[in-house]
Protein backbone atom coordinates (compact mmCIF):
# COMPACT_ATOMS: atom_id res chain seq x y z
CA MET A 1 -267.66 -46.40 -18.71
CA THR A 2 -264.62 -47.91 -16.06
CA ARG A 3 -261.99 -49.84 -16.73
CA ASP A 4 -259.25 -51.34 -15.31
CA LEU A 5 -255.60 -52.75 -16.15
CA GLU A 6 -254.24 -55.51 -14.78
CA PHE A 7 -250.87 -57.38 -16.22
CA GLU A 8 -248.39 -60.49 -14.91
CA GLU A 9 -245.13 -61.29 -15.25
CA THR A 10 -242.92 -64.44 -13.95
CA TYR A 11 -239.34 -63.24 -13.31
CA PRO A 12 -236.27 -65.97 -12.58
CA PHE A 13 -235.48 -63.68 -9.62
CA PRO A 14 -236.25 -63.44 -6.18
CA PRO A 15 -238.80 -61.24 -4.78
CA GLU A 16 -236.41 -59.05 -2.83
CA ARG A 17 -234.57 -58.24 -6.10
CA VAL A 18 -237.64 -57.44 -8.05
CA TRP A 19 -238.95 -55.42 -4.98
CA ARG A 20 -235.36 -53.11 -5.52
CA ALA A 21 -236.40 -52.92 -8.78
CA ILE A 22 -239.68 -51.51 -8.15
CA THR A 23 -239.23 -50.14 -5.40
CA ASP A 24 -235.67 -47.89 -5.86
CA SER A 25 -236.12 -44.18 -6.96
CA ALA A 26 -233.30 -44.46 -9.34
CA ALA A 27 -234.55 -48.03 -10.82
CA ILE A 28 -238.01 -46.23 -11.40
CA ALA A 29 -236.76 -43.47 -13.30
CA ASP A 30 -234.91 -45.82 -15.62
CA TRP A 31 -238.37 -48.01 -16.52
CA LEU A 32 -240.72 -45.23 -16.14
CA MET A 33 -240.25 -41.30 -15.24
CA PRO A 34 -238.10 -39.80 -13.28
CA ASN A 35 -239.48 -39.20 -9.64
CA ASP A 36 -238.72 -38.80 -5.66
CA PHE A 37 -240.54 -41.92 -4.84
CA GLN A 38 -240.13 -43.30 -1.61
CA PRO A 39 -241.49 -46.90 -0.38
CA VAL A 40 -243.11 -45.04 3.28
CA VAL A 41 -246.61 -44.91 3.62
CA GLY A 42 -247.93 -41.57 3.16
CA HIS A 43 -245.43 -40.40 1.34
CA ARG A 44 -246.50 -37.57 -1.61
CA PHE A 45 -244.42 -38.26 -4.67
CA ARG A 46 -244.20 -37.09 -8.53
CA PHE A 47 -242.88 -38.69 -11.83
CA VAL A 48 -242.21 -36.12 -14.29
CA SER A 49 -242.05 -36.49 -17.75
CA LYS A 50 -241.96 -34.38 -20.99
CA PRO A 51 -245.50 -32.53 -21.44
CA MET A 52 -247.57 -33.25 -24.07
CA PRO A 53 -250.97 -31.81 -26.07
CA GLY A 54 -253.42 -31.94 -23.13
CA TRP A 55 -251.08 -33.20 -20.17
CA ASP A 56 -248.37 -31.33 -18.48
CA GLY A 57 -245.81 -34.43 -17.81
CA ILE A 58 -246.89 -34.54 -14.10
CA VAL A 59 -248.26 -37.45 -12.20
CA HIS A 60 -249.01 -37.05 -8.68
CA CYS A 61 -249.07 -39.85 -6.16
CA GLU A 62 -249.05 -40.76 -2.71
CA VAL A 63 -247.77 -44.05 -1.19
CA LEU A 64 -250.73 -46.22 0.25
CA GLU A 65 -249.14 -48.92 1.27
CA VAL A 66 -246.03 -50.74 1.39
CA ASP A 67 -245.61 -54.72 2.82
CA PRO A 68 -242.13 -55.63 1.54
CA PRO A 69 -241.23 -57.58 -0.44
CA ARG A 70 -245.08 -58.41 -1.29
CA ARG A 71 -247.59 -55.14 -2.08
CA LEU A 72 -247.13 -52.03 -3.11
CA VAL A 73 -249.93 -49.50 -3.72
CA TYR A 74 -250.15 -45.66 -4.35
CA SER A 75 -252.43 -43.27 -5.84
CA TRP A 76 -251.59 -42.02 -9.40
CA ASN A 77 -253.18 -38.52 -10.58
CA SER A 78 -252.60 -36.99 -13.62
CA GLY A 79 -253.90 -35.37 -16.69
CA ASN A 80 -255.01 -32.26 -14.95
CA GLY A 81 -257.95 -34.60 -13.03
CA SER A 82 -259.13 -36.38 -15.92
CA VAL A 83 -256.95 -39.74 -14.65
CA ASN A 84 -257.69 -40.67 -10.43
CA THR A 85 -256.68 -44.35 -10.25
CA THR A 86 -254.90 -46.57 -7.86
CA VAL A 87 -251.47 -49.07 -8.84
CA ARG A 88 -250.96 -51.90 -7.11
CA TRP A 89 -248.02 -54.04 -7.61
CA THR A 90 -248.00 -57.59 -5.96
CA LEU A 91 -245.08 -59.88 -5.88
CA GLU A 92 -245.41 -63.79 -5.14
CA PRO A 93 -242.40 -66.07 -5.13
CA VAL A 94 -243.17 -69.28 -7.09
CA ALA A 95 -240.99 -72.11 -8.09
CA SER A 96 -239.47 -70.39 -11.41
CA GLY A 97 -238.62 -67.03 -9.18
CA THR A 98 -241.14 -64.29 -8.57
CA GLN A 99 -244.20 -63.50 -10.57
CA LEU A 100 -245.23 -60.01 -10.66
CA ARG A 101 -248.85 -58.32 -10.93
CA LEU A 102 -249.52 -54.94 -11.98
CA GLU A 103 -253.17 -53.41 -11.46
CA GLN A 104 -254.13 -49.97 -12.09
CA THR A 105 -257.79 -49.50 -11.34
CA GLY A 106 -260.02 -46.56 -11.64
CA PHE A 107 -259.76 -45.36 -15.11
CA ARG A 108 -263.72 -43.31 -15.33
CA GLY A 109 -264.98 -41.49 -18.24
CA ALA A 110 -264.10 -41.23 -21.40
CA LYS A 111 -260.84 -39.01 -21.34
CA ALA A 112 -259.65 -41.63 -18.80
CA LEU A 113 -260.63 -44.68 -20.33
CA MET A 114 -258.94 -43.37 -23.81
CA ILE A 115 -255.98 -43.00 -21.87
CA SER A 116 -256.00 -46.43 -20.29
CA TYR A 117 -255.57 -47.46 -23.84
CA PHE A 118 -252.26 -45.68 -24.33
CA MET A 119 -251.35 -46.87 -20.93
CA GLY A 120 -252.05 -50.27 -21.29
CA SER A 121 -249.50 -50.63 -23.99
CA GLY A 122 -247.04 -48.53 -22.35
CA TRP A 123 -247.27 -51.04 -19.29
CA LYS A 124 -246.87 -54.18 -21.45
CA GLY A 125 -243.54 -53.10 -22.70
CA ILE A 126 -242.65 -51.87 -19.27
CA ILE A 127 -243.68 -55.34 -17.52
CA ARG A 128 -242.02 -57.39 -19.88
CA LYS A 129 -238.81 -55.76 -20.72
CA HIS A 130 -237.78 -52.63 -19.01
CA ILE A 131 -238.46 -53.96 -15.48
CA LEU A 132 -236.95 -57.44 -16.02
CA ALA A 133 -233.74 -55.38 -17.20
CA ALA A 134 -233.96 -53.02 -14.12
CA ILE A 135 -234.01 -56.47 -12.09
CA GLY A 136 -230.77 -57.00 -13.64
CA ARG A 137 -229.55 -54.14 -12.48
CA VAL A 138 -230.08 -55.16 -8.73
CA ASP A 139 -226.92 -56.57 -7.61
CA ALA A 140 -227.86 -60.36 -6.10
CA ALA A 141 -225.61 -60.10 -3.38
CA THR A 142 -225.84 -56.41 -1.98
CA GLY A 143 -229.67 -55.55 -3.58
CA VAL A 144 -228.08 -52.21 -4.69
CA TYR A 145 -229.33 -50.98 -7.84
CA THR A 146 -227.10 -49.71 -10.47
CA SER A 147 -228.55 -47.38 -12.66
CA ALA A 148 -227.16 -47.23 -16.51
CA GLY A 149 -229.38 -44.79 -17.64
CA PRO A 150 -233.08 -44.92 -18.84
CA LEU A 151 -234.40 -48.30 -20.19
CA HIS A 152 -236.58 -46.37 -22.81
CA ASP A 153 -237.04 -42.83 -24.92
CA HIS A 154 -239.37 -41.29 -22.86
CA CYS A 155 -237.51 -41.24 -19.90
CA LYS A 156 -234.71 -39.18 -21.81
């Protein structure tokens, strides 16, 4: 059994602002989880959240590809090895702003398949609301992200 997730959203902002919202560590902490992310190929980083039954709250990742402001790819390994996937962010300029595509591929096995359904519903809200809010916190003139705190409860 395998499953992949794919989501698309169009934002009324230029790719550079969207890129900042998905590659700035403070922004990512606000819309996803606290982290030590850096957009550098080979950088190993972690997302950290509250542990839950069957999950220690840590996602181990490695940056695999960086092509600003178009493409970001990293590994995503969590659940004591039960979820080993790849996350791909693709940004494309369109007339109305930027089309963002998120793909998380490689869910294999019964446990990973079950987890993919929970993650899929979470990604939908993140893509539609939380990243949009983070983009709004990126200063249009300077490109600097200003954190006002987490954009949803599980980041607290």
